Protein backbone atom coordinates (compact mmCIF):
# COMPACT_ATOMS: atom_id res chain seq x y z
CA UNK A 1 -2.29 -17.79 12.93
CA UNK A 2 -1.42 -18.63 9.32
CA UNK A 3 -1.91 -16.45 6.26
CA UNK A 4 -1.96 -18.07 2.82
CA UNK A 5 -1.63 -16.85 -0.74
CA UNK A 6 -3.59 -18.49 -3.56
CA UNK A 7 -4.94 -17.86 -7.02
CA UNK A 8 -7.72 -15.34 -7.30
CA UNK A 9 -11.13 -16.98 -7.01
CA UNK A 10 -13.62 -15.94 -9.71
CA UNK A 11 -17.05 -16.76 -8.37
CA UNK A 12 -20.27 -17.08 -10.35
CA UNK A 13 -23.56 -15.79 -8.95
CA UNK A 14 -25.97 -18.67 -9.47
CA UNK A 15 -29.01 -16.44 -9.04
CA UNK A 16 -27.82 -14.12 -11.82
CA UNK A 17 -26.97 -17.05 -14.08
CA UNK A 18 -30.38 -18.59 -13.48
CA UNK A 19 -32.12 -15.30 -14.15
CA UNK A 20 -30.21 -14.92 -17.41
CA UNK A 21 -31.07 -18.42 -18.59
CA UNK A 22 -34.70 -17.85 -17.66
CA UNK A 23 -34.85 -14.62 -19.68
CA UNK A 24 -33.27 -16.39 -22.67
CA UNK A 25 -35.98 -19.06 -22.40
CA UNK A 26 -38.75 -16.46 -22.37
CA UNK A 27 -37.24 -14.75 -25.42
CA UNK A 28 -37.05 -18.05 -27.36
CA UNK A 29 -40.62 -19.04 -26.49
CA UNK A 30 -41.97 -15.65 -27.62
CA UNK A 31 -39.99 -15.84 -30.88
CA UNK A 32 -41.27 -19.37 -31.54
CA UNK A 33 -44.84 -18.30 -30.81
CA UNK A 34 -44.61 -15.33 -33.19
CA UNK A 35 -43.19 -17.55 -35.94
CA UNK A 36 -46.03 -20.02 -35.41
CA UNK A 37 -48.56 -17.24 -35.82
CA UNK A 38 -46.99 -15.41 -38.75
CA UNK A 39 -45.26 -18.21 -40.71
CA UNK A 40 -47.29 -21.23 -39.59
CA UNK A 41 -44.07 -23.17 -38.84
CA UNK A 42 -45.40 -24.84 -35.64
CA UNK A 43 -42.15 -24.50 -33.71
CA UNK A 44 -43.97 -24.69 -30.39
CA UNK A 45 -44.42 -28.42 -30.91
CA UNK A 46 -40.64 -28.81 -30.71
CA UNK A 47 -40.74 -27.70 -27.05
CA UNK A 48 -42.79 -30.71 -26.04
CA UNK A 49 -39.66 -32.39 -24.59
CA UNK A 50 -39.67 -29.75 -21.84
CA UNK A 51 -43.40 -29.30 -21.42
CA UNK A 52 -45.48 -32.25 -22.70
CA UNK A 53 -48.66 -30.19 -22.62
CA UNK A 54 -47.29 -27.39 -24.78
CA UNK A 55 -49.58 -26.08 -27.43
CA UNK A 56 -50.51 -23.06 -29.46
CA UNK A 57 -53.05 -21.63 -27.03
CA UNK A 58 -52.47 -18.47 -25.01
CA UNK A 59 -52.85 -20.22 -21.62
CA UNK A 60 -50.51 -23.01 -22.68
CA UNK A 61 -47.90 -20.45 -23.82
CA UNK A 62 -48.05 -18.52 -20.53
CA UNK A 63 -47.71 -21.73 -18.52
CA UNK A 64 -44.79 -22.75 -20.74
CA UNK A 65 -43.09 -19.40 -20.11
CA UNK A 66 -43.38 -19.74 -16.33
CA UNK A 67 -42.38 -23.41 -16.31
CA UNK A 68 -39.24 -22.82 -18.41
CA UNK A 69 -38.28 -19.72 -16.40
CA UNK A 70 -38.41 -21.69 -13.13
CA UNK A 71 -36.68 -24.73 -14.64
CA UNK A 72 -33.76 -22.80 -16.15
CA UNK A 73 -33.55 -20.55 -13.09
CA UNK A 74 -32.99 -23.61 -10.90
CA UNK A 75 -30.54 -25.01 -13.45
CA UNK A 76 -28.46 -21.79 -13.43
CA UNK A 77 -28.49 -21.67 -9.64
CA UNK A 78 -27.26 -25.27 -9.47
CA UNK A 79 -24.56 -24.61 -12.10
CA UNK A 80 -23.31 -21.66 -10.05
CA UNK A 81 -23.04 -23.77 -6.90
CA UNK A 82 -21.13 -26.53 -8.69
CA UNK A 83 -18.74 -24.10 -10.43
CA UNK A 84 -17.99 -22.14 -7.23
CA UNK A 85 -17.28 -25.32 -5.30
CA UNK A 86 -14.91 -26.61 -7.99
CA UNK A 87 -13.15 -23.22 -8.13
CA UNK A 88 -12.82 -23.20 -4.33
CA UNK A 89 -11.27 -26.68 -4.36
CA UNK A 90 -8.77 -25.57 -7.02
CA UNK A 91 -7.90 -22.43 -5.05
CA UNK A 92 -7.38 -24.43 -1.85
CA UNK A 93 -5.16 -26.86 -3.72
CA UNK A 94 -2.95 -24.04 -5.03
CA UNK A 95 -2.71 -21.96 -1.84
CA UNK A 96 0.72 -21.55 -0.27
CA UNK A 97 1.63 -20.32 3.22
CA UNK A 98 2.68 -16.64 3.21
CA UNK A 99 3.58 -16.24 6.87
CA UNK A 100 2.57 -17.42 10.33
CA UNK A 101 2.27 -15.52 13.60
CA UNK A 102 2.10 -17.80 16.62
CA UNK A 103 1.96 -15.10 19.36
CA UNK A 104 3.87 -17.60 21.52
CA UNK A 105 6.61 -14.98 21.96
CA UNK A 106 6.68 -11.22 21.65
CA UNK A 107 8.04 -11.56 18.12
CA UNK A 108 7.77 -13.76 15.04
CA UNK A 109 10.17 -13.89 12.10
CA UNK A 110 8.10 -13.45 8.95
CA UNK A 111 9.52 -13.75 5.49
CA UNK A 112 8.42 -14.15 1.91
CA UNK A 113 11.47 -16.35 1.31
CA UNK A 114 13.89 -18.30 3.51
CA UNK A 115 15.59 -15.22 4.92
CA UNK A 116 15.70 -15.51 8.70
CA UNK A 117 19.35 -15.21 9.67
CA UNK A 118 22.21 -12.79 9.20
CA UNK A 119 22.41 -9.02 8.93
CA UNK A 120 19.50 -8.77 6.51
CA UNK A 121 17.48 -5.74 5.49
CA UNK A 122 14.82 -5.87 8.19
CA UNK A 123 11.35 -4.37 8.37
CA UNK A 124 9.63 -4.62 11.77
CA UNK A 125 5.85 -4.39 12.17
CA UNK A 126 4.92 -3.65 15.78
CA UNK A 127 1.53 -3.36 17.46
CA UNK A 128 1.26 0.02 19.14
CA UNK A 129 0.40 -0.41 22.85
CA UNK A 130 -0.62 3.20 23.55
CA UNK A 131 -1.44 6.49 21.81
CA UNK A 132 -0.06 9.80 23.04
CA UNK A 133 -2.10 13.01 22.97
CA UNK A 134 -1.12 16.65 22.90
CA UNK A 135 -2.92 17.32 26.17
CA UNK A 136 -3.59 14.49 28.55
CA UNK A 137 -2.39 11.02 29.44
CA UNK A 138 -1.79 8.37 26.78
CA UNK A 139 -4.71 6.08 25.99
CA UNK A 140 -4.66 2.41 25.13
CA UNK A 141 -4.44 1.56 21.44
CA UNK A 142 -7.18 -0.87 20.32
CA UNK A 143 -4.55 -2.66 18.21
CA UNK A 144 -3.03 -4.31 21.28
CA UNK A 145 -6.42 -5.93 21.97
CA UNK A 146 -7.11 -7.27 18.47
CA UNK A 147 -4.71 -9.93 17.17
CA UNK A 148 -6.84 -10.56 14.09
CA UNK A 149 -6.66 -6.90 13.10
CA UNK A 150 -2.90 -6.94 13.69
CA UNK A 151 -2.48 -9.84 11.25
CA UNK A 152 -4.85 -8.20 8.75
CA UNK A 153 -2.83 -4.98 8.79
CA UNK A 154 0.44 -6.88 8.25
CA UNK A 155 -1.20 -8.65 5.31
CA UNK A 156 -2.13 -5.25 3.87
CA UNK A 157 1.53 -4.15 4.10
CA UNK A 158 2.67 -7.35 2.36
CA UNK A 159 0.09 -6.82 -0.37
CA UNK A 160 1.29 -3.25 -0.86
CA UNK A 161 4.89 -4.44 -1.27
CA UNK A 162 4.02 -7.24 -3.70
CA UNK A 163 1.92 -4.92 -5.90
CA UNK A 164 4.60 -2.25 -6.21
CA UNK A 165 6.72 -2.31 -9.36
CA UNK A 166 9.96 -1.64 -7.42
CA UNK A 167 9.62 -3.48 -4.12
CA UNK A 168 8.22 -6.58 -5.82
CA UNK A 169 11.40 -7.12 -7.83
CA UNK A 170 12.85 -10.57 -6.98
CA UNK A 171 16.25 -9.18 -6.00
CA UNK A 172 14.55 -6.93 -3.44
CA UNK A 173 11.42 -8.62 -2.09
CA UNK A 174 13.05 -12.03 -1.68
CA UNK A 175 15.78 -10.51 0.48
CA UNK A 176 13.70 -8.53 2.94
CA UNK A 177 13.18 -9.99 6.39
CA UNK A 178 9.87 -9.06 8.00
CA UNK A 179 9.49 -9.31 11.79
CA UNK A 180 6.25 -8.89 13.72
CA UNK A 181 6.27 -7.62 17.31
CA UNK A 182 3.26 -8.01 19.58
CA UNK A 183 3.62 -7.34 23.32
CA UNK A 184 1.77 -10.19 25.01
CA UNK A 185 2.12 -8.56 28.44
CA UNK A 186 0.41 -5.41 27.20
CA UNK A 187 -2.27 -7.58 25.56
CA UNK A 188 -3.04 -9.34 28.85
CA UNK A 189 -3.19 -6.07 30.77
CA UNK A 190 -5.45 -4.52 28.13
CA UNK A 191 -7.76 -7.55 28.16
CA UNK A 192 -8.20 -7.28 31.92
CA UNK A 193 -8.66 -3.50 31.96
CA UNK A 194 -9.50 -2.15 28.48
CA UNK A 195 -10.29 1.36 29.73
CA UNK A 196 -7.28 1.62 32.05
CA UNK A 197 -4.22 3.77 31.56
CA UNK A 198 -1.52 1.79 29.72
CA UNK A 199 1.84 1.30 31.41
CA UNK A 200 3.66 0.80 28.13
CA UNK A 201 5.27 3.60 26.16
CA UNK A 202 3.20 5.21 23.41
CA UNK A 203 4.92 4.64 20.06
CA UNK A 204 2.74 7.05 18.10
CA UNK A 205 0.11 9.65 18.71
CA UNK A 206 -1.51 12.93 17.80
CA UNK A 207 0.49 15.12 15.42
CA UNK A 208 -1.37 18.40 15.90
CA UNK A 209 -4.38 19.12 18.05
CA UNK A 210 -7.55 19.15 15.96
CA UNK A 211 -6.18 17.01 13.11
CA UNK A 212 -6.60 13.29 12.50
CA UNK A 213 -2.94 12.80 11.56
CA UNK A 214 -0.71 10.35 13.42
CA UNK A 215 3.01 10.68 14.05
CA UNK A 216 5.61 8.30 15.45
CA UNK A 217 6.81 9.55 18.82
CA UNK A 218 10.57 9.32 18.26
CA UNK A 219 13.03 7.16 16.28
CA UNK A 220 15.16 6.37 19.30
CA UNK A 221 12.25 5.58 21.61
CA UNK A 222 10.56 3.26 19.09
CA UNK A 223 13.82 1.45 18.30
CA UNK A 224 14.55 0.92 22.01
CA UNK A 225 11.09 -0.58 22.56
CA UNK A 226 11.38 -2.87 19.55
CA UNK A 227 14.90 -4.06 20.42
CA UNK A 228 13.70 -4.91 23.92
CA UNK A 229 10.93 -7.04 22.39
CA UNK A 230 13.41 -8.71 19.99
CA UNK A 231 15.87 -9.95 22.59
CA UNK A 232 17.04 -13.42 21.60
CA UNK A 233 15.76 -13.12 18.03
CA UNK A 234 19.17 -12.70 16.41
CA UNK A 235 18.09 -9.53 14.59
CA UNK A 236 21.13 -7.24 14.40
CA UNK A 237 19.99 -4.30 12.31
CA UNK A 238 16.54 -2.70 12.05
CA UNK A 239 16.06 -0.59 8.94
CA UNK A 240 12.38 0.42 8.98
CA UNK A 241 9.70 0.08 11.68
CA UNK A 242 5.96 0.12 11.03
CA UNK A 243 4.00 1.12 14.15
CA UNK A 244 0.54 -0.33 13.51
CA UNK A 245 -2.31 1.47 15.24
CA UNK A 246 -6.07 0.96 15.33
CA UNK A 247 -6.98 4.39 16.64
CA UNK A 248 -10.40 5.49 15.37
CA UNK A 249 -9.61 9.11 16.23
CA UNK A 250 -6.31 9.43 14.34
CA UNK A 251 -6.37 7.65 10.99
CA UNK A 252 -3.89 9.50 8.75
CA UNK A 253 -0.48 7.85 8.54
CA UNK A 254 2.93 9.55 8.59
CA UNK A 255 6.63 8.69 8.83
CA UNK A 256 9.95 9.85 10.24
CA UNK A 257 13.09 9.67 8.12
CA UNK A 258 15.92 7.33 9.01
CA UNK A 259 18.79 9.09 10.76
CA UNK A 260 22.47 8.93 9.92
CA UNK A 261 25.63 11.01 10.05
CA UNK A 262 27.73 12.38 7.21
CA UNK A 263 30.48 9.96 8.24
CA UNK A 264 28.22 6.86 8.14
CA UNK A 265 29.87 4.33 5.76
CA UNK A 266 28.27 3.30 2.49
CA UNK A 267 28.55 3.73 -1.28
CA UNK A 268 29.15 7.21 -2.60
CA UNK A 269 27.00 8.90 -5.23
CA UNK A 270 26.40 12.43 -6.49
CA UNK A 271 23.14 14.33 -6.78
CA UNK A 272 22.23 17.90 -7.69
CA UNK A 273 20.48 18.90 -4.47
CA UNK A 274 18.81 22.30 -4.28
CA UNK A 275 17.97 24.65 -7.17
CA UNK A 276 19.01 23.70 -10.66
CA UNK A 277 20.13 20.42 -12.13
CA UNK A 278 23.86 20.93 -12.58
CA UNK A 279 26.77 20.67 -10.17
CA UNK A 280 25.90 17.44 -8.31
CA UNK A 281 27.15 17.15 -4.74
CA UNK A 282 28.59 14.01 -3.08
CA UNK A 283 26.44 11.91 -0.75
CA UNK A 284 26.32 8.30 0.50
CA UNK A 285 23.92 5.37 0.27
CA UNK A 286 24.56 4.07 3.78
CA UNK A 287 24.86 0.38 4.65
CA UNK A 288 23.21 1.01 8.02
CA UNK A 289 21.68 4.07 9.60
CA UNK A 290 22.15 5.43 13.09
CA UNK A 291 18.42 5.11 13.75
CA UNK A 292 15.75 3.36 11.66
CA UNK A 293 12.94 5.14 9.88
CA UNK A 294 9.61 4.87 11.70
CA UNK A 295 6.10 4.79 10.22
CA UNK A 296 2.81 5.27 12.04
CA UNK A 297 0.37 3.27 9.90
CA UNK A 298 -3.36 3.24 10.55
CA UNK A 299 -5.13 -0.12 10.36
CA UNK A 300 -8.08 1.68 8.76
CA UNK A 301 -5.97 2.85 5.80
CA UNK A 302 -7.24 0.75 2.89
CA UNK A 303 -5.40 2.52 0.05
CA UNK A 304 -2.89 0.03 -1.30
CA UNK A 305 -0.11 2.51 -2.08
CA UNK A 306 0.10 4.09 1.40
CA UNK A 307 2.43 1.51 3.09
CA UNK A 308 4.90 1.89 0.20
CA UNK A 309 4.49 5.68 0.19
CA UNK A 310 5.42 5.86 3.87
CA UNK A 311 8.21 3.31 3.38
CA UNK A 312 9.87 5.62 0.84
CA UNK A 313 9.87 8.41 3.44
CA UNK A 314 11.21 6.20 6.20
CA UNK A 315 14.03 4.50 4.29
CA UNK A 316 15.50 7.84 3.17
CA UNK A 317 17.47 10.35 5.24
CA UNK A 318 17.66 14.13 5.38
CA UNK A 319 21.46 13.96 5.25
CA UNK A 320 21.81 11.87 2.08
CA UNK A 321 18.56 12.58 0.28
CA UNK A 322 15.05 12.91 1.67
CA UNK A 323 12.06 11.55 -0.24
CA UNK A 324 9.27 14.00 0.52
CA UNK A 325 5.59 14.47 -0.33
CA UNK A 326 4.83 15.94 -3.73
CA UNK A 327 1.25 16.99 -2.91
CA UNK A 328 2.48 19.84 -0.68
CA UNK A 329 3.85 23.02 -2.25
CA UNK A 330 5.66 24.25 0.86
CA UNK A 331 5.91 22.73 4.33
CA UNK A 332 5.18 24.85 7.37
CA UNK A 333 6.94 23.97 10.60
CA UNK A 334 5.89 23.79 13.37
CA UNK A 335 2.52 22.62 11.97
CA UNK A 336 -0.02 25.39 12.02
CA UNK A 337 2.58 28.17 11.85
CA UNK A 338 3.49 30.41 8.92
CA UNK A 339 7.16 29.44 8.91
CA UNK A 340 8.09 27.76 5.62
CA UNK A 341 10.46 24.81 5.88
CA UNK A 342 12.19 23.37 2.84
CA UNK A 343 14.34 20.26 2.87
CA UNK A 344 17.86 21.14 1.74
CA UNK A 345 18.57 17.64 0.42
CA UNK A 346 15.20 16.67 -1.04
CA UNK A 347 15.41 14.14 -3.87
CA UNK A 348 12.06 14.56 -5.58
CA UNK A 349 11.02 18.19 -5.03
CA UNK A 350 12.65 21.44 -6.14
CA UNK A 351 11.40 25.04 -6.09
CA UNK A 352 11.21 27.76 -8.71
CA UNK A 353 12.21 31.33 -7.97
CA UNK A 354 9.17 33.42 -7.16
CA UNK A 355 8.54 36.50 -9.37
CA UNK A 356 9.98 39.75 -8.04
CA UNK A 357 6.55 41.36 -8.21
CA UNK A 358 3.16 39.73 -7.43
CA UNK A 359 1.67 40.73 -10.79
CA UNK A 360 4.37 38.97 -12.79
CA UNK A 361 3.89 35.40 -13.98
CA UNK A 362 5.73 32.49 -12.43
CA UNK A 363 8.78 31.35 -14.26
CA UNK A 364 8.15 28.13 -16.24
CA UNK A 365 9.09 24.76 -14.83
CA UNK A 366 12.68 24.00 -15.89
CA UNK A 367 13.09 21.28 -18.50
CA UNK A 368 15.79 19.50 -16.53
CA UNK A 369 15.20 18.40 -12.95
CA UNK A 370 18.34 16.81 -11.55
CA UNK A 371 21.61 15.00 -12.24
CA UNK A 372 22.16 11.70 -10.44
CA UNK A 373 25.48 9.84 -10.63
CA UNK A 374 24.62 6.29 -9.60
CA UNK A 375 27.11 3.91 -8.00
CA UNK A 376 27.95 0.89 -10.18
CA UNK A 377 30.76 -1.66 -10.19
CA UNK A 378 32.40 0.36 -12.95
CA UNK A 379 32.17 3.65 -11.04
CA UNK A 380 29.58 6.40 -11.15
CA UNK A 381 27.06 6.37 -14.01
CA UNK A 382 25.51 9.80 -14.60
CA UNK A 383 21.89 10.28 -15.67
CA UNK A 384 20.04 13.57 -16.22
CA UNK A 385 16.31 13.50 -15.36
CA UNK A 386 13.66 15.78 -16.82
CA UNK A 387 11.05 17.71 -14.86
CA UNK A 388 7.35 16.84 -14.89
CA UNK A 389 5.61 19.59 -16.87
CA UNK A 390 2.31 17.73 -17.21
CA UNK A 391 0.96 18.12 -13.67
CA UNK A 392 -2.39 19.69 -14.49
CA UNK A 393 -3.91 19.12 -11.03
CA UNK A 394 -1.68 21.70 -9.30
CA UNK A 395 -2.28 25.44 -9.03
CA UNK A 396 -0.24 27.50 -11.54
CA UNK A 397 1.13 29.48 -8.62
CA UNK A 398 2.92 26.52 -7.07
CA UNK A 399 6.65 27.10 -6.74
CA UNK A 400 7.52 23.41 -6.34
CA UNK A 401 8.11 20.99 -9.21
CA UNK A 402 8.94 17.29 -9.40
CA UNK A 403 10.67 14.70 -11.62
CA UNK A 404 9.12 13.45 -14.84
CA UNK A 405 6.87 10.41 -14.63
CA UNK A 406 7.35 7.34 -16.77
CA UNK A 407 3.66 7.45 -17.73
CA UNK A 408 1.73 10.72 -17.45
CA UNK A 409 -1.54 8.80 -17.01
CA UNK A 410 -0.25 7.39 -13.70
CA UNK A 411 0.36 9.41 -10.54
CA UNK A 412 3.62 9.29 -8.64
CA UNK A 413 3.32 7.35 -5.38
CA UNK A 414 4.61 10.38 -3.47
CA UNK A 415 1.87 12.59 -4.95
CA UNK A 416 -1.92 12.40 -4.80
CA UNK A 417 -2.92 9.07 -6.35
CA UNK A 418 -6.08 9.24 -8.44
CA UNK A 419 -6.21 5.87 -10.20
CA UNK A 420 -2.96 3.98 -10.74
CA UNK A 421 0.36 5.10 -9.29
CA UNK A 422 4.03 4.16 -9.34
CA UNK A 423 7.43 5.71 -8.65
CA UNK A 424 8.76 8.15 -11.21
CA UNK A 425 12.03 7.32 -12.98
CA UNK A 426 14.28 9.22 -10.58
CA UNK A 427 12.72 7.80 -7.42
CA UNK A 428 12.76 4.30 -8.89
CA UNK A 429 16.48 4.48 -9.64
CA UNK A 430 17.38 6.20 -6.36
CA UNK A 431 15.42 3.77 -4.18
CA UNK A 432 16.68 0.76 -6.12
CA UNK A 433 20.31 1.77 -5.54
CA UNK A 434 19.66 2.60 -1.89
CA UNK A 435 17.95 -0.72 -1.18
CA UNK A 436 20.52 -2.79 -3.05
CA UNK A 437 23.34 -1.17 -1.04
CA UNK A 438 21.59 -2.07 2.20
CA UNK A 439 20.59 -5.56 1.05
CA UNK A 440 24.14 -6.39 -0.06
CA UNK A 441 25.91 -4.94 2.98
């Protein structure tokens, strides 16, 4: 199954064009008729080339109106057909293959460029064979039955990457290897018994009973399943795994961070984790992680920023800097409990001190957010980032605050996206350095 990219086709509605031309004709005929009556110019005689029996009578004028409306309506309809066909031919001529999934094996190497070999930064997109539930046996995931939906969801991920201002950079996008994984054995079993209990391991499932949120089951379990499917592919390192699901019951996506150790090799940097923006602490952009980040992505998620949003979670680690959601003031863990959990090494969220008494006002958001010493070939380059003090959509009682955006009219991808969205300056720089370290390993 091949997927192509081409220029955007701008179609013309022939019916609308014909209606417009017909209305213009009616307007001109009425104007000419009024001029004939008031100024005695006899312009109606000039329309004889379209209607030989035109005249100055009322019946003749009405017939002329209807005749011209039908004539120009058909002309506009025909012009629309011709234009759309020419535009379609031009689009077909310019289309280029994006990727191809043959389903001949359990995996296919997809790429936006000629990156298929070596220890490349690798993103795996796997069809989820089963969905786990909090109480009960796992159920079969409709994704394993629908190859067309699988390809469509992968295309949505590609589109999300190519529309993002960071991931679409040539030095990043052209050096990412995408791999699709589709278990043909599970597909055959599901085709024979769609309602049966799946024998394959569930890669994602219900996060909390009563919610529609998904969660990947476990980094280690998902990686083991994917590596078993990729035997003989030559893929050495897996950095991020998208588990694609078509569950109609659980449609909210989520991600698990990549996992690494403090001793994992990489390039050193410094960041002011925790309260305040001074006194940065050492950390590492790792070449490889102990376990890849895993994303449970719903096929019914049509928002373009979501695959990139979840990617930012998954590519980061709790040890060396976690990229967390900005639309949550405080996490509670386990879900549904009252226990507040705050990430010690969060990159993009900090917390203000609460007032000593409930009646007192919250302390203002600090002007400075964080200090980040980036790794360069000349050593560490230090940058101080401001806080975002323009977030008007959050309650004044929120204790959390985030980095300054490049454009206050655009949301941050890690926050609630209203119209347009992009990474803020800090996240853009942090993710760029992290990805370049992994790409150039």
